[in-house]
Each structure stands twice: as structure tokens, then as C-alpha cells.
Amino acid sequence: MQIIDHGGARIAALHDKKTGSWQYVVSDPVSRKCAIIDPVWDFDEKAAATSTRNADAILDYVKAEGLTVEWLLDTHPHADHFSAAPYLKERLGAPTAIGEKVIGVQRLWKDIYGLDDDFPTDGRQWDRLFQAGDTFAVGDLQGRVIFSPGHTLASITYVIGGNAFVHDTLMMPYAGTSRADFPGGDSKALYRSIQDILALPDETGIFVGHDYGPDGREPACFSTVREQKADNIHVGGGRGEADFVRLRDGRDATLPLPNLMLYALQVNIRGGVLPPPAEDGRIYFKIPANHFAPPQENS
């Protein structure tokens, strides 16, 4: 765990090594109220088994610090891990929230998974659906929502105090940006979302969603807008949109799907809840065969 004091907030950053995901507890030092952002519900795909190691570590930190949780926030329906928001809600009573465009992701993946007609695609699985520009409070810290599509069509950024929690838009400056080739993704939209983030004040803290510790580095999560504008290998130095799109699309064409994607999306479009039990009482995942298969070359 890393503890970073910046922009009027104390941020506890917890890293999940398996997925490279960062999870955050953002607290107001005065009121001792906090928000939890993008918590991970662990999943072993070989055994198809869930566990709560990451979420329990968050609970332990909240209890040890005497914090009151006001929000359980997801930036988007994740493709590489399950959301632990419902598990934490059961134990903390805090409301869950995500961006309102999640309904588009639900409709998209309802079709891909061939879900029943009665599967709800109106976002009712969350307590609040944020619109762009919405505000909220974490104690005395003011929060607002920036719509940040590109990685997914539903992605949002949370600005809390002097910090932006950007998840899959920017990565650390040495790593560049997040991919934009998932269903509903768009590299042009990603570039424009990043420009909105980089228009924040230079000292705004940028907290990313992933870091994989490349080249033996320790995983990192924090930079500033100034550092991103100067040093980000994909958008720094004023790189233009067309150049970025060529770079991002070329890079994405080489990347495999995330290991957990076809498991994770059917959970996360349900707000972090497993599919309902079948008639035999067991829970089954539904995997669309060959939907994401690369095109076959003619022999």
C-alpha cells in the first residue's frame, strides 16, 4: 500500500499484482470521510473461484484509520477484474455509483453474451448513475465527474479535491495510455478525453488505473498533469490527434484480450454481481465462442 497526501486529500493506493490494477481510498483528513474507487474482487479463472483478498485489505485499512465510507465508485465496467463494490456495500452500507453511459455498455454486452430479454440495461444495478459535470462530496472535499470515453464508451474520471482518478485513459508517463480497441472503444475519443484531463491545473494529481511494473520497476500510480504533458510517451509534448490515433491503433492491433475479459464483463455489467444460479443451483459463466477470433487468412 502507498499513502500519498496531495490536493487536500489522503490517498491510500492498493495494487493488485495479478491484474496490475490500482484501487484507491480517498479520504478527507478533517472529516475522516472517504470514497473507495475501483475495488477489485479477486477471481481465479482456472478454478472459476472468487475471493476477497483485495476488498478485505481495503476494509482493514478503513477500519484501522477510523474512516466513514461515503461512496463506492467505479470508473467503468472493467475488463480485467471483477468489481468488489457490492461486497463492500454489504459491509459498509455506502452507495455505489458509475457513469450513466454504462447503459450503453450493458446493451452492447447483453447482445455479445446472448443474455435473456429480461436482463435490465437501465443501470439499476447501481445506486447512482453520474452525468458529466455532476458533483458530489467526500467530507469537505468537492468531487466532480468528467466524461472520459475512449477505452470504453462509459468511462469517467473522478476529480476529488486536487486529484483526478483517470483509470484507463492515461497511464504513467513511461507507459503512455490505455488501449481503445474493446467493443465501444475509440482511439479518437480517448485522445479527446485525455486532452480534457490535461486541461486541469498543472499540479492536479493524476492517479492511474493500472501499472504493471515494466522493466523491473516498482508499480507506480501517481504523477501530475504537468508531468504527463511533458513526459507521457503517447501524448506528451503536444502530440496531435492523428499521430496519436495511428500510434494507439497500431499498438492495439498487437495486444491480446485481457485474461479475464470474457468473465469480467458479464459480472461488471451486473454491477459486480455473479450471474444468477441455474436450475441446479450452480452459477455458470457464459463465454461467446469465436466472437473475438482473429480473421482467418485465405489459403
C-alpha atoms as a PDB file:
ATOM      1  CA  MET A   1       0.000   0.000   0.000  1.00  0.00           C
ATOM      2  CA  GLN A   2       1.144   3.527  -0.815  1.00  0.00           C
ATOM      3  CA  ILE A   3      -0.058   6.586   1.100  1.00  0.00           C
ATOM      4  CA  ILE A   4       0.031   9.863  -0.820  1.00  0.00           C
ATOM      5  CA  ASP A   5      -1.072  13.243   0.538  1.00  0.00           C
ATOM      6  CA  HIS A   6      -1.946  15.546  -2.336  1.00  0.00           C
ATOM      7  CA  GLY A   7      -4.545  18.092  -3.366  1.00  0.00           C
ATOM      8  CA  GLY A   8      -6.119  18.283   0.065  1.00  0.00           C
ATOM      9  CA  ALA A   9      -6.753  14.534   0.260  1.00  0.00           C
ATOM     10  CA  ARG A  10      -5.050  11.476   1.662  1.00  0.00           C
ATOM     11  CA  ILE A  11      -4.961   8.683  -0.893  1.00  0.00           C
ATOM     12  CA  ALA A  12      -4.297   5.065   0.018  1.00  0.00           C
ATOM     13  CA  ALA A  13      -3.337   3.197  -3.160  1.00  0.00           C
ATOM     14  CA  LEU A  14      -3.582  -0.611  -3.141  1.00  0.00           C
ATOM     15  CA  HIS A  15      -2.073  -2.577  -6.015  1.00  0.00           C
ATOM     16  CA  ASP A  16      -3.342  -5.925  -7.258  1.00  0.00           C
ATOM     17  CA  LYS A  17      -0.306  -7.648  -8.743  1.00  0.00           C
ATOM     18  CA  LYS A  18      -2.277 -10.215 -10.753  1.00  0.00           C
ATOM     19  CA  THR A  19      -4.202  -7.655 -12.817  1.00  0.00           C
ATOM     20  CA  GLY A  20      -1.905  -4.660 -12.351  1.00  0.00           C
ATOM     21  CA  SER A  21      -4.894  -2.734 -11.024  1.00  0.00           C
ATOM     22  CA  TRP A  22      -4.779   0.223  -8.634  1.00  0.00           C
ATOM     23  CA  GLN A  23      -7.552   0.685  -6.093  1.00  0.00           C
ATOM     24  CA  TYR A  24      -7.941   3.846  -4.076  1.00  0.00           C
ATOM     25  CA  VAL A  25      -9.306   5.009  -0.745  1.00  0.00           C
ATOM     26  CA  VAL A  26      -9.590   8.798  -0.980  1.00  0.00           C
ATOM     27  CA  SER A  27     -10.177  10.463   2.377  1.00  0.00           C
ATOM     28  CA  ASP A  28     -10.762  13.940   3.752  1.00  0.00           C
ATOM     29  CA  PRO A  29      -8.261  14.319   6.612  1.00  0.00           C
ATOM     30  CA  VAL A  30     -10.581  16.659   8.516  1.00  0.00           C
ATOM     31  CA  SER A  31     -13.892  14.797   8.492  1.00  0.00           C
ATOM     32  CA  ARG A  32     -12.375  11.287   8.162  1.00  0.00           C
ATOM     33  CA  LYS A  33     -14.877  10.533   5.377  1.00  0.00           C
ATOM     34  CA  CYS A  34     -13.770   8.717   2.257  1.00  0.00           C
ATOM     35  CA  ALA A  35     -14.598   7.231  -1.116  1.00  0.00           C
ATOM     36  CA  ILE A  36     -13.381   3.890  -2.459  1.00  0.00           C
ATOM     37  CA  ILE A  37     -12.562   3.842  -6.179  1.00  0.00           C
ATOM     38  CA  ASP A  38     -12.377   0.749  -8.426  1.00  0.00           C
ATOM     39  CA  PRO A  39     -12.111  -2.006  -5.766  1.00  0.00           C
ATOM     40  CA  VAL A  40     -11.061  -5.451  -7.013  1.00  0.00           C
ATOM     41  CA  TRP A  41     -12.966  -8.687  -6.356  1.00  0.00           C
ATOM     42  CA  ASP A  42     -10.386 -11.429  -6.850  1.00  0.00           C
ATOM     43  CA  PHE A  43     -11.024 -14.199  -9.372  1.00  0.00           C
ATOM     44  CA  ASP A  44      -9.069 -17.366 -10.140  1.00  0.00           C
ATOM     45  CA  GLU A  45     -10.016 -18.231 -13.713  1.00  0.00           C
ATOM     46  CA  LYS A  46      -8.521 -21.735 -13.502  1.00  0.00           C
ATOM     47  CA  ALA A  47     -10.843 -22.680 -10.646  1.00  0.00           C
ATOM     48  CA  ALA A  48     -13.595 -20.189 -11.585  1.00  0.00           C
ATOM     49  CA  ALA A  49     -13.469 -19.105  -7.940  1.00  0.00           C
ATOM     50  CA  THR A  50     -13.882 -15.700  -6.349  1.00  0.00           C
ATOM     51  CA  SER A  51     -12.172 -14.452  -3.194  1.00  0.00           C
ATOM     52  CA  THR A  52     -11.992 -11.164  -1.307  1.00  0.00           C
ATOM     53  CA  ARG A  53      -8.316 -10.599  -0.512  1.00  0.00           C
ATOM     54  CA  ASN A  54      -8.177  -7.142  -2.069  1.00  0.00           C
ATOM     55  CA  ALA A  55     -11.537  -5.980  -0.735  1.00  0.00           C
ATOM     56  CA  ASP A  56     -10.714  -7.220   2.756  1.00  0.00           C
ATOM     57  CA  ALA A  57      -7.438  -5.277   2.690  1.00  0.00           C
ATOM     58  CA  ILE A  58      -9.478  -2.158   1.916  1.00  0.00           C
ATOM     59  CA  LEU A  59     -11.844  -2.918   4.781  1.00  0.00           C
ATOM     60  CA  ASP A  60      -8.903  -3.400   7.135  1.00  0.00           C
ATOM     61  CA  TYR A  61      -7.454  -0.013   6.150  1.00  0.00           C
ATOM     62  CA  VAL A  62     -10.792   1.769   6.545  1.00  0.00           C
ATOM     63  CA  LYS A  63     -11.280   0.262   9.987  1.00  0.00           C
ATOM     64  CA  ALA A  64      -7.714   0.953  11.135  1.00  0.00           C
ATOM     65  CA  GLU A  65      -7.971   4.609  10.070  1.00  0.00           C
ATOM     66  CA  GLY A  66     -11.442   5.117  11.546  1.00  0.00           C
ATOM     67  CA  LEU A  67     -12.868   6.244   8.203  1.00  0.00           C
ATOM     68  CA  THR A  68     -16.512   6.561   7.192  1.00  0.00           C
ATOM     69  CA  VAL A  69     -17.128   5.455   3.610  1.00  0.00           C
ATOM     70  CA  GLU A  70     -19.484   7.749   1.692  1.00  0.00           C
ATOM     71  CA  TRP A  71     -19.101   6.362  -1.847  1.00  0.00           C
ATOM     72  CA  LEU A  72     -18.176   3.178  -3.697  1.00  0.00           C
ATOM     73  CA  LEU A  73     -17.144   4.418  -7.140  1.00  0.00           C
ATOM     74  CA  ASP A  74     -16.333   2.583 -10.363  1.00  0.00           C
ATOM     75  CA  THR A  75     -14.879   4.467 -13.323  1.00  0.00           C
ATOM     76  CA  HIS A  76     -16.314   1.994 -15.881  1.00  0.00           C
ATOM     77  CA  PRO A  77     -17.223  -1.701 -16.263  1.00  0.00           C
ATOM     78  CA  HIS A  78     -13.769  -3.263 -16.079  1.00  0.00           C
ATOM     79  CA  ALA A  79     -12.472  -5.896 -18.489  1.00  0.00           C
ATOM     80  CA  ASP A  80      -9.625  -7.243 -16.341  1.00  0.00           C
ATOM     81  CA  HIS A  81     -11.136  -7.690 -12.893  1.00  0.00           C
ATOM     82  CA  PHE A  82     -14.464  -8.041 -11.117  1.00  0.00           C
ATOM     83  CA  SER A  83     -15.788  -5.055  -9.170  1.00  0.00           C
ATOM     84  CA  ALA A  84     -15.935  -5.566  -5.395  1.00  0.00           C
ATOM     85  CA  ALA A  85     -18.399  -2.693  -4.917  1.00  0.00           C
ATOM     86  CA  PRO A  86     -21.397  -4.914  -3.934  1.00  0.00           C
ATOM     87  CA  TYR A  87     -19.288  -6.885  -1.435  1.00  0.00           C
ATOM     88  CA  LEU A  88     -18.142  -3.652   0.176  1.00  0.00           C
ATOM     89  CA  LYS A  89     -21.644  -2.182   0.130  1.00  0.00           C
ATOM     90  CA  GLU A  90     -22.921  -5.139   2.144  1.00  0.00           C
ATOM     91  CA  ARG A  91     -20.356  -4.410   4.830  1.00  0.00           C
ATOM     92  CA  LEU A  92     -20.232  -0.626   4.735  1.00  0.00           C
ATOM     93  CA  GLY A  93     -23.679   0.495   3.609  1.00  0.00           C
ATOM     94  CA  ALA A  94     -22.285   3.097   1.215  1.00  0.00           C
ATOM     95  CA  PRO A  95     -23.939   3.753  -2.174  1.00  0.00           C
ATOM     96  CA  THR A  96     -22.439   2.520  -5.425  1.00  0.00           C
ATOM     97  CA  ALA A  97     -22.010   4.757  -8.468  1.00  0.00           C
ATOM     98  CA  ILE A  98     -20.781   4.736 -12.055  1.00  0.00           C
ATOM     99  CA  GLY A  99     -21.259   6.880 -15.175  1.00  0.00           C
ATOM    100  CA  GLU A 100     -24.690   6.948 -16.831  1.00  0.00           C
ATOM    101  CA  LYS A 101     -23.286   5.733 -20.163  1.00  0.00           C
ATOM    102  CA  VAL A 102     -22.919   2.285 -18.581  1.00  0.00           C
ATOM    103  CA  ILE A 103     -26.319   1.509 -20.053  1.00  0.00           C
ATOM    104  CA  GLY A 104     -24.712   1.519 -23.491  1.00  0.00           C
ATOM    105  CA  VAL A 105     -22.107  -0.987 -22.317  1.00  0.00           C
ATOM    106  CA  GLN A 106     -24.848  -3.150 -20.835  1.00  0.00           C
ATOM    107  CA  ARG A 107     -26.753  -3.201 -24.122  1.00  0.00           C
ATOM    108  CA  LEU A 108     -23.608  -3.956 -26.123  1.00  0.00           C
ATOM    109  CA  TRP A 109     -22.533  -6.872 -23.953  1.00  0.00           C
ATOM    110  CA  LYS A 110     -26.061  -8.181 -23.452  1.00  0.00           C
ATOM    111  CA  ASP A 111     -26.016  -8.873 -27.182  1.00  0.00           C
ATOM    112  CA  ILE A 112     -22.485 -10.340 -27.175  1.00  0.00           C
ATOM    113  CA  TYR A 113     -23.364 -12.721 -24.320  1.00  0.00           C
ATOM    114  CA  GLY A 114     -26.824 -13.540 -25.684  1.00  0.00           C
ATOM    115  CA  LEU A 115     -28.443 -12.720 -22.359  1.00  0.00           C
ATOM    116  CA  ASP A 116     -32.167 -13.146 -21.759  1.00  0.00           C
ATOM    117  CA  ASP A 117     -34.509 -10.387 -22.883  1.00  0.00           C
ATOM    118  CA  ASP A 118     -35.348  -9.530 -19.276  1.00  0.00           C
ATOM    119  CA  PHE A 119     -31.744  -8.624 -18.395  1.00  0.00           C
ATOM    120  CA  PRO A 120     -32.032  -4.956 -17.316  1.00  0.00           C
ATOM    121  CA  THR A 121     -29.951  -2.439 -19.258  1.00  0.00           C
ATOM    122  CA  ASP A 122     -31.030   0.722 -17.463  1.00  0.00           C
ATOM    123  CA  GLY A 123     -28.246   0.899 -14.872  1.00  0.00           C
ATOM    124  CA  ARG A 124     -30.478  -0.080 -11.965  1.00  0.00           C
ATOM    125  CA  GLN A 125     -27.644  -2.247 -10.592  1.00  0.00           C
ATOM    126  CA  TRP A 126     -26.005   0.926  -9.163  1.00  0.00           C
ATOM    127  CA  ASP A 127     -27.386   3.394  -6.644  1.00  0.00           C
ATOM    128  CA  ARG A 128     -26.389   6.427  -8.692  1.00  0.00           C
ATOM    129  CA  LEU A 129     -25.580   6.999 -12.352  1.00  0.00           C
ATOM    130  CA  PHE A 130     -23.410  10.100 -12.732  1.00  0.00           C
ATOM    131  CA  GLN A 131     -23.818  12.507 -15.613  1.00  0.00           C
ATOM    132  CA  ALA A 132     -20.939  14.569 -16.963  1.00  0.00           C
ATOM    133  CA  GLY A 133     -20.429  17.568 -14.701  1.00  0.00           C
ATOM    134  CA  ASP A 134     -22.215  16.075 -11.704  1.00  0.00           C
ATOM    135  CA  THR A 135     -20.775  16.982  -8.307  1.00  0.00           C
ATOM    136  CA  PHE A 136     -20.580  15.084  -5.049  1.00  0.00           C
ATOM    137  CA  ALA A 137     -18.825  15.415  -1.708  1.00  0.00           C
ATOM    138  CA  VAL A 138     -16.313  13.340   0.228  1.00  0.00           C
ATOM    139  CA  GLY A 139     -16.434  15.025   3.588  1.00  0.00           C
ATOM    140  CA  ASP A 140     -15.302  18.593   2.926  1.00  0.00           C
ATOM    141  CA  LEU A 141     -13.658  17.619  -0.377  1.00  0.00           C
ATOM    142  CA  GLN A 142     -15.576  18.522  -3.505  1.00  0.00           C
ATOM    143  CA  GLY A 143     -15.834  15.916  -6.254  1.00  0.00           C
ATOM    144  CA  ARG A 144     -16.977  16.186  -9.862  1.00  0.00           C
ATOM    145  CA  VAL A 145     -17.347  13.904 -12.841  1.00  0.00           C
ATOM    146  CA  ILE A 146     -15.669  14.239 -16.247  1.00  0.00           C
ATOM    147  CA  PHE A 147     -16.954  12.045 -19.068  1.00  0.00           C
ATOM    148  CA  SER A 148     -13.857  10.234 -20.447  1.00  0.00           C
ATOM    149  CA  PRO A 149     -14.849   7.816 -23.252  1.00  0.00           C
ATOM    150  CA  GLY A 150     -12.361   6.015 -25.440  1.00  0.00           C
ATOM    151  CA  HIS A 151     -11.254   2.947 -23.512  1.00  0.00           C
ATOM    152  CA  THR A 152     -14.960   2.192 -23.130  1.00  0.00           C
ATOM    153  CA  LEU A 153     -17.950   4.276 -24.116  1.00  0.00           C
ATOM    154  CA  ALA A 154     -18.877   4.651 -20.420  1.00  0.00           C
ATOM    155  CA  SER A 155     -15.560   5.677 -18.838  1.00  0.00           C
ATOM    156  CA  ILE A 156     -15.495   8.612 -16.437  1.00  0.00           C
ATOM    157  CA  THR A 157     -12.862  10.462 -14.411  1.00  0.00           C
ATOM    158  CA  TYR A 158     -13.435  11.437 -10.778  1.00  0.00           C
ATOM    159  CA  VAL A 159     -11.867  14.742  -9.739  1.00  0.00           C
ATOM    160  CA  ILE A 160     -11.716  14.903  -5.933  1.00  0.00           C
ATOM    161  CA  GLY A 161     -10.012  17.892  -4.386  1.00  0.00           C
ATOM    162  CA  GLY A 162      -6.850  18.481  -6.409  1.00  0.00           C
ATOM    163  CA  ASN A 163      -6.707  14.930  -7.760  1.00  0.00           C
ATOM    164  CA  ALA A 164      -8.050  13.134 -10.837  1.00  0.00           C
ATOM    165  CA  PHE A 165      -8.702   9.386 -10.801  1.00  0.00           C
ATOM    166  CA  VAL A 166      -8.438   8.627 -14.505  1.00  0.00           C
ATOM    167  CA  HIS A 167      -8.283   4.823 -14.652  1.00  0.00           C
ATOM    168  CA  ASP A 168      -7.975   3.621 -18.282  1.00  0.00           C
ATOM    169  CA  THR A 169      -7.096   6.883 -20.045  1.00  0.00           C
ATOM    170  CA  LEU A 170      -3.578   7.955 -19.117  1.00  0.00           C
ATOM    171  CA  MET A 171      -1.093   5.522 -17.650  1.00  0.00           C
ATOM    172  CA  MET A 172       2.157   6.502 -16.004  1.00  0.00           C
ATOM    173  CA  PRO A 173       4.191   8.780 -18.317  1.00  0.00           C
ATOM    174  CA  TYR A 174       6.653   5.972 -19.140  1.00  0.00           C
ATOM    175  CA  ALA A 175       3.741   3.672 -20.110  1.00  0.00           C
ATOM    176  CA  GLY A 176       1.637   6.045 -22.189  1.00  0.00           C
ATOM    177  CA  THR A 177      -2.096   5.454 -22.487  1.00  0.00           C
ATOM    178  CA  SER A 178      -4.678   2.694 -22.226  1.00  0.00           C
ATOM    179  CA  ARG A 179      -5.957   0.652 -25.136  1.00  0.00           C
ATOM    180  CA  ALA A 180      -9.060   1.673 -27.070  1.00  0.00           C
ATOM    181  CA  ASP A 181      -9.960  -1.452 -29.054  1.00  0.00           C
ATOM    182  CA  PHE A 182     -12.591  -3.092 -26.840  1.00  0.00           C
ATOM    183  CA  PRO A 183     -16.227  -3.101 -28.044  1.00  0.00           C
ATOM    184  CA  GLY A 184     -17.380   0.509 -27.795  1.00  0.00           C
ATOM    185  CA  GLY A 185     -13.812   1.835 -27.587  1.00  0.00           C
ATOM    186  CA  ASP A 186     -12.454   4.564 -29.853  1.00  0.00           C
ATOM    187  CA  SER A 187      -8.944   5.982 -30.059  1.00  0.00           C
ATOM    188  CA  LYS A 188     -10.109   9.407 -31.255  1.00  0.00           C
ATOM    189  CA  ALA A 189     -12.464   9.670 -28.300  1.00  0.00           C
ATOM    190  CA  LEU A 190      -9.653   8.552 -25.990  1.00  0.00           C
ATOM    191  CA  TYR A 191      -7.370  11.310 -27.284  1.00  0.00           C
ATOM    192  CA  ARG A 192     -10.032  13.949 -26.702  1.00  0.00           C
ATOM    193  CA  SER A 193     -10.773  12.621 -23.220  1.00  0.00           C
ATOM    194  CA  ILE A 194      -7.082  12.823 -22.368  1.00  0.00           C
ATOM    195  CA  GLN A 195      -6.979  16.428 -23.573  1.00  0.00           C
ATOM    196  CA  ASP A 196      -9.819  17.237 -21.148  1.00  0.00           C
ATOM    197  CA  ILE A 197      -7.792  15.712 -18.317  1.00  0.00           C
ATOM    198  CA  LEU A 198      -4.624  17.541 -19.343  1.00  0.00           C
ATOM    199  CA  ALA A 199      -6.586  20.817 -19.278  1.00  0.00           C
ATOM    200  CA  LEU A 200      -6.844  20.510 -15.482  1.00  0.00           C
ATOM    201  CA  PRO A 201      -4.419  22.654 -13.434  1.00  0.00           C
ATOM    202  CA  ASP A 202      -0.791  21.557 -13.771  1.00  0.00           C
ATOM    203  CA  GLU A 203      -0.485  20.473 -10.136  1.00  0.00           C
ATOM    204  CA  THR A 204      -3.532  18.209 -10.283  1.00  0.00           C
ATOM    205  CA  GLY A 205      -2.604  14.710  -9.158  1.00  0.00           C
ATOM    206  CA  ILE A 206      -3.149  12.012 -11.773  1.00  0.00           C
ATOM    207  CA  PHE A 207      -3.924   8.598 -10.290  1.00  0.00           C
ATOM    208  CA  VAL A 208      -3.930   5.836 -12.905  1.00  0.00           C
ATOM    209  CA  GLY A 209      -5.852   2.589 -13.025  1.00  0.00           C
ATOM    210  CA  HIS A 210      -3.017   0.222 -13.913  1.00  0.00           C
ATOM    211  CA  ASP A 211       0.703  -0.208 -13.741  1.00  0.00           C
ATOM    212  CA  TYR A 212       2.489  -3.462 -14.462  1.00  0.00           C
ATOM    213  CA  GLY A 213       5.956  -2.614 -13.181  1.00  0.00           C
ATOM    214  CA  PRO A 214       7.658  -2.669 -16.594  1.00  0.00           C
ATOM    215  CA  ASP A 215      11.412  -3.287 -16.838  1.00  0.00           C
ATOM    216  CA  GLY A 216      11.636  -4.280 -13.194  1.00  0.00           C
ATOM    217  CA  ARG A 217      10.174  -1.020 -11.893  1.00  0.00           C
ATOM    218  CA  GLU A 218       8.076  -0.952  -8.760  1.00  0.00           C
ATOM    219  CA  PRO A 219       4.447  -0.311  -9.787  1.00  0.00           C
ATOM    220  CA  ALA A 220       3.596   3.383  -9.586  1.00  0.00           C
ATOM    221  CA  CYS A 221       0.276   5.244  -9.599  1.00  0.00           C
ATOM    222  CA  PHE A 222       0.886   8.992  -9.158  1.00  0.00           C
ATOM    223  CA  SER A 223       2.020  11.811 -11.409  1.00  0.00           C
ATOM    224  CA  THR A 224       0.789  15.337 -12.128  1.00  0.00           C
ATOM    225  CA  VAL A 225      -0.807  16.976 -15.138  1.00  0.00           C
ATOM    226  CA  ARG A 226       2.440  18.887 -15.688  1.00  0.00           C
ATOM    227  CA  GLU A 227       4.469  15.657 -15.752  1.00  0.00           C
ATOM    228  CA  GLN A 228       2.007  13.959 -18.084  1.00  0.00           C
ATOM    229  CA  LYS A 229       2.053  16.864 -20.548  1.00  0.00           C
ATOM    230  CA  ALA A 230       5.829  16.908 -20.586  1.00  0.00           C
ATOM    231  CA  ASP A 231       6.773  13.248 -20.428  1.00  0.00           C
ATOM    232  CA  ASN A 232       3.934  10.912 -21.440  1.00  0.00           C
ATOM    233  CA  ILE A 233       5.322   8.774 -24.275  1.00  0.00           C
ATOM    234  CA  HIS A 234       1.999   8.778 -26.172  1.00  0.00           C
ATOM    235  CA  VAL A 235       0.592  12.289 -25.667  1.00  0.00           C
ATOM    236  CA  GLY A 236       3.411  14.361 -24.170  1.00  0.00           C
ATOM    237  CA  GLY A 237       4.990  17.254 -25.959  1.00  0.00           C
ATOM    238  CA  GLY A 238       1.756  18.232 -27.683  1.00  0.00           C
ATOM    239  CA  ARG A 239       1.347  15.154 -29.911  1.00  0.00           C
ATOM    240  CA  GLY A 240      -1.582  15.698 -32.265  1.00  0.00           C
ATOM    241  CA  GLU A 241      -4.708  13.584 -32.605  1.00  0.00           C
ATOM    242  CA  ALA A 242      -3.926  11.938 -35.946  1.00  0.00           C
ATOM    243  CA  ASP A 243      -0.454  10.890 -34.808  1.00  0.00           C
ATOM    244  CA  PHE A 244      -1.849   9.536 -31.555  1.00  0.00           C
ATOM    245  CA  VAL A 245      -4.580   7.556 -33.327  1.00  0.00           C
ATOM    246  CA  ARG A 246      -2.012   5.914 -35.630  1.00  0.00           C
ATOM    247  CA  LEU A 247       0.171   5.023 -32.638  1.00  0.00           C
ATOM    248  CA  ARG A 248      -2.694   3.779 -30.445  1.00  0.00           C
ATOM    249  CA  ASP A 249      -4.463   1.764 -33.140  1.00  0.00           C
ATOM    250  CA  GLY A 250      -1.172   0.201 -34.242  1.00  0.00           C
ATOM    251  CA  ARG A 251      -0.310  -0.782 -30.697  1.00  0.00           C
ATOM    252  CA  ASP A 252      -3.801  -2.145 -30.007  1.00  0.00           C
ATOM    253  CA  ALA A 253      -3.642  -4.396 -33.059  1.00  0.00           C
ATOM    254  CA  THR A 254      -0.814  -6.331 -31.373  1.00  0.00           C
ATOM    255  CA  LEU A 255      -2.486  -6.847 -27.981  1.00  0.00           C
ATOM    256  CA  PRO A 256      -4.315  -9.984 -26.856  1.00  0.00           C
ATOM    257  CA  LEU A 257      -7.569  -9.737 -24.939  1.00  0.00           C
ATOM    258  CA  PRO A 258      -7.211  -9.392 -21.155  1.00  0.00           C
ATOM    259  CA  ASN A 259      -7.161 -12.786 -19.477  1.00  0.00           C
ATOM    260  CA  LEU A 260     -10.379 -12.187 -17.540  1.00  0.00           C
ATOM    261  CA  MET A 261     -12.319 -10.065 -20.007  1.00  0.00           C
ATOM    262  CA  LEU A 262     -14.988 -12.571 -21.026  1.00  0.00           C
ATOM    263  CA  TYR A 263     -15.552 -13.484 -17.393  1.00  0.00           C
ATOM    264  CA  ALA A 264     -15.371  -9.953 -16.026  1.00  0.00           C
ATOM    265  CA  LEU A 265     -17.767  -8.092 -18.295  1.00  0.00           C
ATOM    266  CA  GLN A 266     -20.703 -10.392 -17.546  1.00  0.00           C
ATOM    267  CA  VAL A 267     -20.154  -9.684 -13.847  1.00  0.00           C
ATOM    268  CA  ASN A 268     -19.458  -5.975 -14.143  1.00  0.00           C
ATOM    269  CA  ILE A 269     -22.464  -5.136 -16.342  1.00  0.00           C
ATOM    270  CA  ARG A 270     -24.406  -6.548 -13.386  1.00  0.00           C
ATOM    271  CA  GLY A 271     -22.665  -4.054 -11.102  1.00  0.00           C
ATOM    272  CA  GLY A 272     -20.209  -6.614  -9.730  1.00  0.00           C
ATOM    273  CA  VAL A 273     -22.679  -9.473  -9.188  1.00  0.00           C
ATOM    274  CA  LEU A 274     -22.275 -13.035 -10.473  1.00  0.00           C
ATOM    275  CA  PRO A 275     -24.787 -14.409 -12.988  1.00  0.00           C
ATOM    276  CA  PRO A 276     -27.937 -15.857 -11.401  1.00  0.00           C
ATOM    277  CA  PRO A 277     -27.922 -19.538 -10.425  1.00  0.00           C
ATOM    278  CA  ALA A 278     -29.192 -22.074 -12.927  1.00  0.00           C
ATOM    279  CA  GLU A 279     -31.974 -24.552 -12.117  1.00  0.00           C
ATOM    280  CA  ASP A 280     -29.445 -26.871 -10.477  1.00  0.00           C
ATOM    281  CA  GLY A 281     -28.397 -24.084  -8.084  1.00  0.00           C
ATOM    282  CA  ARG A 282     -24.953 -23.647  -9.604  1.00  0.00           C
ATOM    283  CA  ILE A 283     -23.647 -20.411 -11.115  1.00  0.00           C
ATOM    284  CA  TYR A 284     -22.273 -20.616 -14.641  1.00  0.00           C
ATOM    285  CA  PHE A 285     -20.307 -18.186 -16.777  1.00  0.00           C
ATOM    286  CA  LYS A 286     -21.299 -17.715 -20.392  1.00  0.00           C
ATOM    287  CA  ILE A 287     -18.460 -17.399 -22.922  1.00  0.00           C
ATOM    288  CA  PRO A 288     -19.146 -16.451 -26.584  1.00  0.00           C
ATOM    289  CA  ALA A 289     -17.056 -18.807 -28.704  1.00  0.00           C
ATOM    290  CA  ASN A 290     -15.146 -17.308 -31.654  1.00  0.00           C
ATOM    291  CA  HIS A 291     -16.713 -13.851 -31.271  1.00  0.00           C
ATOM    292  CA  PHE A 292     -13.286 -12.284 -30.809  1.00  0.00           C
ATOM    293  CA  ALA A 293     -11.385 -14.713 -33.025  1.00  0.00           C
ATOM    294  CA  PRO A 294      -8.933 -13.023 -35.422  1.00  0.00           C
ATOM    295  CA  PRO A 295      -9.926 -13.209 -39.100  1.00  0.00           C
ATOM    296  CA  GLN A 296      -8.631 -16.271 -40.926  1.00  0.00           C
ATOM    297  CA  GLU A 297      -6.372 -15.696 -43.911  1.00  0.00           C
ATOM    298  CA  ASN A 298      -7.360 -17.376 -47.146  1.00  0.00           C
ATOM    299  CA  SER A 299      -5.019 -20.225 -48.012  1.00  0.00           C
END
